């Protein structure tokens, strides 16, 4: 069973910027392997919070699930974003959790606010969600992974959710600069080439 503490709430509902809250959870490492169409597999951390079952997407750069002791309790700091669904008279609200930090006692095991590539603190910003079929060319995909993985691009899938045009994400200043430089070089190559 997980102990949960909500510690912060940020809101600006009038501009459709989703509310976000900071939640701390003490839990054991109970992971479930998931897949999308059998091609892409990932893990979720399964916990109980205030009587509800929560499934938390486990980031690929977080400690591998096998490396965590199933019998030990860990502290998770989560950022939960509010989602409003237009169902019924008043609508339906749910909170989706995102792993912010993972600690084992005093030892920090993971911090989502640090750029994994550049090792610097990132900024938490609100960005538009990119809906539609995302098919970047191979050169862009390689550059994104190797030079600017945290440039603020958030994909929303093919179905546009008009109730959710924006979301919160981590943005690295160095990733942004690298992306701008890459795009300028690409423009120059097309102009000169």
C-alpha atoms as a PDB file:
ATOM      1  CA  UNK A   1       0.000   0.000   0.000  1.00  0.00           C
ATOM      2  CA  UNK A   2       1.287   3.460  -0.888  1.00  0.00           C
ATOM      3  CA  UNK A   3       1.282   6.540   1.291  1.00  0.00           C
ATOM      4  CA  UNK A   4       0.439   9.663  -0.705  1.00  0.00           C
ATOM      5  CA  UNK A   5       1.013  13.327   0.057  1.00  0.00           C
ATOM      6  CA  UNK A   6      -0.128  16.096  -2.308  1.00  0.00           C
ATOM      7  CA  UNK A   7       2.183  19.064  -1.796  1.00  0.00           C
ATOM      8  CA  UNK A   8       1.604  21.647  -4.527  1.00  0.00           C
ATOM      9  CA  UNK A   9      -1.067  22.794  -6.946  1.00  0.00           C
ATOM     10  CA  UNK A  10      -0.558  25.045  -9.979  1.00  0.00           C
ATOM     11  CA  UNK A  11      -3.534  26.177 -12.063  1.00  0.00           C
ATOM     12  CA  UNK A  12      -4.589  28.392 -14.905  1.00  0.00           C
ATOM     13  CA  UNK A  13      -7.817  26.783 -16.122  1.00  0.00           C
ATOM     14  CA  UNK A  14      -9.149  29.835 -17.977  1.00  0.00           C
ATOM     15  CA  UNK A  15      -6.567  29.443 -20.760  1.00  0.00           C
ATOM     16  CA  UNK A  16      -6.872  25.641 -21.009  1.00  0.00           C
ATOM     17  CA  UNK A  17      -3.481  25.188 -19.383  1.00  0.00           C
ATOM     18  CA  UNK A  18      -3.907  22.001 -17.383  1.00  0.00           C
ATOM     19  CA  UNK A  19      -3.532  22.036 -13.629  1.00  0.00           C
ATOM     20  CA  UNK A  20      -0.533  20.204 -12.273  1.00  0.00           C
ATOM     21  CA  UNK A  21       0.117  18.956  -8.762  1.00  0.00           C
ATOM     22  CA  UNK A  22       3.134  17.521  -6.983  1.00  0.00           C
ATOM     23  CA  UNK A  23       2.498  14.222  -5.166  1.00  0.00           C
ATOM     24  CA  UNK A  24       4.856  12.123  -3.027  1.00  0.00           C
ATOM     25  CA  UNK A  25       4.318   8.356  -2.816  1.00  0.00           C
ATOM     26  CA  UNK A  26       6.031   5.629  -0.765  1.00  0.00           C
ATOM     27  CA  UNK A  27       5.692   2.294  -2.558  1.00  0.00           C
ATOM     28  CA  UNK A  28       7.309  -0.993  -3.467  1.00  0.00           C
ATOM     29  CA  UNK A  29       8.579  -1.726  -6.981  1.00  0.00           C
ATOM     30  CA  UNK A  30       5.651  -3.562  -8.589  1.00  0.00           C
ATOM     31  CA  UNK A  31       6.173  -3.358 -12.368  1.00  0.00           C
ATOM     32  CA  UNK A  32       4.103  -4.586 -15.282  1.00  0.00           C
ATOM     33  CA  UNK A  33       5.435  -4.969 -18.818  1.00  0.00           C
ATOM     34  CA  UNK A  34       3.129  -3.453 -21.449  1.00  0.00           C
ATOM     35  CA  UNK A  35       3.245  -3.264 -25.236  1.00  0.00           C
ATOM     36  CA  UNK A  36       1.749  -1.271 -28.065  1.00  0.00           C
ATOM     37  CA  UNK A  37       0.773  -3.531 -30.937  1.00  0.00           C
ATOM     38  CA  UNK A  38       3.371  -6.061 -29.857  1.00  0.00           C
ATOM     39  CA  UNK A  39       6.125  -3.911 -31.394  1.00  0.00           C
ATOM     40  CA  UNK A  40       6.960  -1.395 -28.683  1.00  0.00           C
ATOM     41  CA  UNK A  41       7.231  -2.573 -25.079  1.00  0.00           C
ATOM     42  CA  UNK A  42       7.509  -0.471 -21.941  1.00  0.00           C
ATOM     43  CA  UNK A  43       6.973  -0.769 -18.186  1.00  0.00           C
ATOM     44  CA  UNK A  44       4.449   0.736 -15.810  1.00  0.00           C
ATOM     45  CA  UNK A  45       4.749   0.930 -12.035  1.00  0.00           C
ATOM     46  CA  UNK A  46       1.516  -0.319 -10.475  1.00  0.00           C
ATOM     47  CA  UNK A  47       0.530   1.209  -7.125  1.00  0.00           C
ATOM     48  CA  UNK A  48      -2.533   1.790  -4.962  1.00  0.00           C
ATOM     49  CA  UNK A  49      -3.122   5.407  -4.001  1.00  0.00           C
ATOM     50  CA  UNK A  50      -6.053   6.479  -1.824  1.00  0.00           C
ATOM     51  CA  UNK A  51      -7.824   3.236  -2.748  1.00  0.00           C
ATOM     52  CA  UNK A  52      -7.336   3.791  -6.499  1.00  0.00           C
ATOM     53  CA  UNK A  53      -5.093   1.731  -8.754  1.00  0.00           C
ATOM     54  CA  UNK A  54      -2.473   3.893 -10.474  1.00  0.00           C
ATOM     55  CA  UNK A  55      -0.376   2.883 -13.436  1.00  0.00           C
ATOM     56  CA  UNK A  56       2.692   5.102 -13.874  1.00  0.00           C
ATOM     57  CA  UNK A  57       4.591   5.042 -17.178  1.00  0.00           C
ATOM     58  CA  UNK A  58       8.210   4.172 -16.368  1.00  0.00           C
ATOM     59  CA  UNK A  59      10.624   6.389 -18.340  1.00  0.00           C
ATOM     60  CA  UNK A  60      13.257   4.466 -20.336  1.00  0.00           C
ATOM     61  CA  UNK A  61      16.076   6.510 -18.752  1.00  0.00           C
ATOM     62  CA  UNK A  62      14.889   5.744 -15.180  1.00  0.00           C
ATOM     63  CA  UNK A  63      16.518   2.809 -13.330  1.00  0.00           C
ATOM     64  CA  UNK A  64      15.634  -0.494 -14.965  1.00  0.00           C
ATOM     65  CA  UNK A  65      12.764  -2.269 -13.179  1.00  0.00           C
ATOM     66  CA  UNK A  66      14.950  -5.358 -12.582  1.00  0.00           C
ATOM     67  CA  UNK A  67      17.494  -3.206 -10.736  1.00  0.00           C
ATOM     68  CA  UNK A  68      14.969  -2.237  -8.031  1.00  0.00           C
ATOM     69  CA  UNK A  69      14.306  -4.510  -5.047  1.00  0.00           C
ATOM     70  CA  UNK A  70      10.642  -5.655  -5.035  1.00  0.00           C
ATOM     71  CA  UNK A  71      10.647  -5.933  -1.227  1.00  0.00           C
ATOM     72  CA  UNK A  72      11.971  -2.434  -0.582  1.00  0.00           C
ATOM     73  CA  UNK A  73       9.939   0.792  -0.385  1.00  0.00           C
ATOM     74  CA  UNK A  74      11.002   3.713  -2.579  1.00  0.00           C
ATOM     75  CA  UNK A  75       9.929   7.339  -2.526  1.00  0.00           C
ATOM     76  CA  UNK A  76       8.450   8.601  -5.770  1.00  0.00           C
ATOM     77  CA  UNK A  77       7.784  12.248  -6.456  1.00  0.00           C
ATOM     78  CA  UNK A  78       5.149  12.548  -9.147  1.00  0.00           C
ATOM     79  CA  UNK A  79       3.842  15.406 -11.204  1.00  0.00           C
ATOM     80  CA  UNK A  80       0.181  14.783 -11.909  1.00  0.00           C
ATOM     81  CA  UNK A  81      -1.580  16.644 -14.688  1.00  0.00           C
ATOM     82  CA  UNK A  82      -5.331  17.182 -14.655  1.00  0.00           C
ATOM     83  CA  UNK A  83      -7.357  15.906 -17.602  1.00  0.00           C
ATOM     84  CA  UNK A  84     -10.973  16.893 -18.176  1.00  0.00           C
ATOM     85  CA  UNK A  85     -13.236  14.671 -20.236  1.00  0.00           C
ATOM     86  CA  UNK A  86     -16.546  16.119 -21.473  1.00  0.00           C
ATOM     87  CA  UNK A  87     -18.636  13.206 -20.199  1.00  0.00           C
ATOM     88  CA  UNK A  88     -21.950  13.799 -18.422  1.00  0.00           C
ATOM     89  CA  UNK A  89     -23.238  17.112 -17.075  1.00  0.00           C
ATOM     90  CA  UNK A  90     -20.118  18.189 -15.202  1.00  0.00           C
ATOM     91  CA  UNK A  91     -17.533  16.228 -17.137  1.00  0.00           C
ATOM     92  CA  UNK A  92     -15.033  13.755 -15.747  1.00  0.00           C
ATOM     93  CA  UNK A  93     -11.670  14.664 -14.229  1.00  0.00           C
ATOM     94  CA  UNK A  94      -8.682  12.366 -13.788  1.00  0.00           C
ATOM     95  CA  UNK A  95      -5.015  12.951 -12.959  1.00  0.00           C
ATOM     96  CA  UNK A  96      -2.231  11.337 -14.988  1.00  0.00           C
ATOM     97  CA  UNK A  97       1.033  10.797 -13.078  1.00  0.00           C
ATOM     98  CA  UNK A  98       4.529  11.390 -14.425  1.00  0.00           C
ATOM     99  CA  UNK A  99       7.652  10.316 -12.526  1.00  0.00           C
ATOM    100  CA  UNK A 100       9.650  13.326 -11.340  1.00  0.00           C
ATOM    101  CA  UNK A 101      12.112  11.803  -8.852  1.00  0.00           C
ATOM    102  CA  UNK A 102      12.898   8.383  -7.428  1.00  0.00           C
ATOM    103  CA  UNK A 103      14.833   8.046  -4.195  1.00  0.00           C
ATOM    104  CA  UNK A 104      16.015   5.154  -2.071  1.00  0.00           C
ATOM    105  CA  UNK A 105      16.333   6.688   1.391  1.00  0.00           C
ATOM    106  CA  UNK A 106      18.643   9.680   0.901  1.00  0.00           C
ATOM    107  CA  UNK A 107      20.010   8.399  -2.414  1.00  0.00           C
ATOM    108  CA  UNK A 108      18.613  10.021  -5.583  1.00  0.00           C
ATOM    109  CA  UNK A 109      18.152   7.375  -8.295  1.00  0.00           C
ATOM    110  CA  UNK A 110      16.345   9.427 -10.943  1.00  0.00           C
ATOM    111  CA  UNK A 111      15.476  13.076 -11.599  1.00  0.00           C
ATOM    112  CA  UNK A 112      13.333  13.916 -14.658  1.00  0.00           C
ATOM    113  CA  UNK A 113      14.184  17.613 -14.325  1.00  0.00           C
ATOM    114  CA  UNK A 114      17.803  16.945 -15.379  1.00  0.00           C
ATOM    115  CA  UNK A 115      18.594  16.619 -19.089  1.00  0.00           C
ATOM    116  CA  UNK A 116      19.950  13.098 -19.572  1.00  0.00           C
ATOM    117  CA  UNK A 117      22.136  14.284 -22.455  1.00  0.00           C
ATOM    118  CA  UNK A 118      23.521  17.587 -21.147  1.00  0.00           C
ATOM    119  CA  UNK A 119      23.336  16.972 -17.377  1.00  0.00           C
ATOM    120  CA  UNK A 120      21.745  20.365 -16.658  1.00  0.00           C
ATOM    121  CA  UNK A 121      18.552  21.431 -14.907  1.00  0.00           C
ATOM    122  CA  UNK A 122      15.601  21.852 -17.264  1.00  0.00           C
ATOM    123  CA  UNK A 123      12.661  24.236 -17.103  1.00  0.00           C
ATOM    124  CA  UNK A 124       9.058  23.069 -16.665  1.00  0.00           C
ATOM    125  CA  UNK A 125       7.047  24.827 -19.373  1.00  0.00           C
ATOM    126  CA  UNK A 126       3.649  24.656 -21.054  1.00  0.00           C
ATOM    127  CA  UNK A 127       3.829  23.719 -24.746  1.00  0.00           C
ATOM    128  CA  UNK A 128       1.262  23.022 -27.458  1.00  0.00           C
ATOM    129  CA  UNK A 129       0.583  19.346 -28.084  1.00  0.00           C
ATOM    130  CA  UNK A 130       1.484  18.284 -31.639  1.00  0.00           C
ATOM    131  CA  UNK A 131      -1.451  16.258 -32.914  1.00  0.00           C
ATOM    132  CA  UNK A 132      -1.427  14.350 -36.191  1.00  0.00           C
ATOM    133  CA  UNK A 133       0.703  11.735 -37.894  1.00  0.00           C
ATOM    134  CA  UNK A 134       4.308  12.329 -36.845  1.00  0.00           C
ATOM    135  CA  UNK A 135       6.764  11.102 -39.450  1.00  0.00           C
ATOM    136  CA  UNK A 136      10.090  12.943 -39.178  1.00  0.00           C
ATOM    137  CA  UNK A 137      12.827  12.083 -41.620  1.00  0.00           C
ATOM    138  CA  UNK A 138      15.621   9.817 -40.441  1.00  0.00           C
ATOM    139  CA  UNK A 139      18.148  12.670 -40.168  1.00  0.00           C
ATOM    140  CA  UNK A 140      15.867  14.659 -37.853  1.00  0.00           C
ATOM    141  CA  UNK A 141      15.179  11.600 -35.674  1.00  0.00           C
ATOM    142  CA  UNK A 142      18.901  10.900 -35.273  1.00  0.00           C
ATOM    143  CA  UNK A 143      19.671  14.543 -34.502  1.00  0.00           C
ATOM    144  CA  UNK A 144      16.814  14.752 -32.009  1.00  0.00           C
ATOM    145  CA  UNK A 145      18.050  11.697 -30.116  1.00  0.00           C
ATOM    146  CA  UNK A 146      21.726  12.703 -30.158  1.00  0.00           C
ATOM    147  CA  UNK A 147      21.550  16.496 -29.765  1.00  0.00           C
ATOM    148  CA  UNK A 148      18.126  17.749 -28.610  1.00  0.00           C
ATOM    149  CA  UNK A 149      15.905  15.102 -26.937  1.00  0.00           C
ATOM    150  CA  UNK A 150      14.337  17.686 -24.599  1.00  0.00           C
ATOM    151  CA  UNK A 151      13.412  20.506 -26.990  1.00  0.00           C
ATOM    152  CA  UNK A 152       9.766  20.684 -25.920  1.00  0.00           C
ATOM    153  CA  UNK A 153       8.051  18.612 -28.600  1.00  0.00           C
ATOM    154  CA  UNK A 154       5.088  16.665 -27.172  1.00  0.00           C
ATOM    155  CA  UNK A 155       3.200  14.321 -29.478  1.00  0.00           C
ATOM    156  CA  UNK A 156      -0.518  13.797 -28.942  1.00  0.00           C
ATOM    157  CA  UNK A 157      -1.400  11.126 -31.478  1.00  0.00           C
ATOM    158  CA  UNK A 158      -3.709  11.279 -34.477  1.00  0.00           C
ATOM    159  CA  UNK A 159      -6.955  12.275 -32.701  1.00  0.00           C
ATOM    160  CA  UNK A 160      -7.048  15.966 -31.762  1.00  0.00           C
ATOM    161  CA  UNK A 161      -8.287  16.608 -28.222  1.00  0.00           C
ATOM    162  CA  UNK A 162      -9.743  20.126 -28.327  1.00  0.00           C
ATOM    163  CA  UNK A 163     -10.071  20.086 -24.528  1.00  0.00           C
ATOM    164  CA  UNK A 164      -6.307  19.584 -24.218  1.00  0.00           C
ATOM    165  CA  UNK A 165      -4.328  21.808 -26.604  1.00  0.00           C
ATOM    166  CA  UNK A 166      -1.356  22.198 -24.227  1.00  0.00           C
ATOM    167  CA  UNK A 167       0.614  20.212 -21.672  1.00  0.00           C
ATOM    168  CA  UNK A 168       3.535  20.610 -19.280  1.00  0.00           C
ATOM    169  CA  UNK A 169       6.948  19.241 -20.228  1.00  0.00           C
ATOM    170  CA  UNK A 170      10.635  19.582 -19.379  1.00  0.00           C
ATOM    171  CA  UNK A 171      12.722  21.711 -21.739  1.00  0.00           C
ATOM    172  CA  UNK A 172      16.508  21.892 -21.750  1.00  0.00           C
ATOM    173  CA  UNK A 173      18.033  25.246 -22.831  1.00  0.00           C
ATOM    174  CA  UNK A 174      20.936  23.454 -24.544  1.00  0.00           C
ATOM    175  CA  UNK A 175      18.544  21.126 -26.406  1.00  0.00           C
ATOM    176  CA  UNK A 176      16.587  24.177 -27.636  1.00  0.00           C
ATOM    177  CA  UNK A 177      19.777  25.866 -28.848  1.00  0.00           C
ATOM    178  CA  UNK A 178      20.943  22.659 -30.561  1.00  0.00           C
ATOM    179  CA  UNK A 179      17.578  22.222 -32.305  1.00  0.00           C
ATOM    180  CA  UNK A 180      17.625  25.822 -33.571  1.00  0.00           C
ATOM    181  CA  UNK A 181      21.201  25.391 -34.831  1.00  0.00           C
ATOM    182  CA  UNK A 182      20.309  22.085 -36.552  1.00  0.00           C
ATOM    183  CA  UNK A 183      17.245  23.647 -38.239  1.00  0.00           C
ATOM    184  CA  UNK A 184      19.329  26.627 -39.461  1.00  0.00           C
ATOM    185  CA  UNK A 185      22.001  24.301 -40.869  1.00  0.00           C
ATOM    186  CA  UNK A 186      19.290  22.258 -42.575  1.00  0.00           C
ATOM    187  CA  UNK A 187      17.819  25.406 -44.182  1.00  0.00           C
ATOM    188  CA  UNK A 188      21.273  26.461 -45.391  1.00  0.00           C
ATOM    189  CA  UNK A 189      21.905  23.013 -46.896  1.00  0.00           C
ATOM    190  CA  UNK A 190      18.575  23.133 -48.777  1.00  0.00           C
ATOM    191  CA  UNK A 191      19.252  26.691 -49.988  1.00  0.00           C
ATOM    192  CA  UNK A 192      22.811  25.920 -51.117  1.00  0.00           C
ATOM    193  CA  UNK A 193      22.269  22.390 -52.193  1.00  0.00           C
END
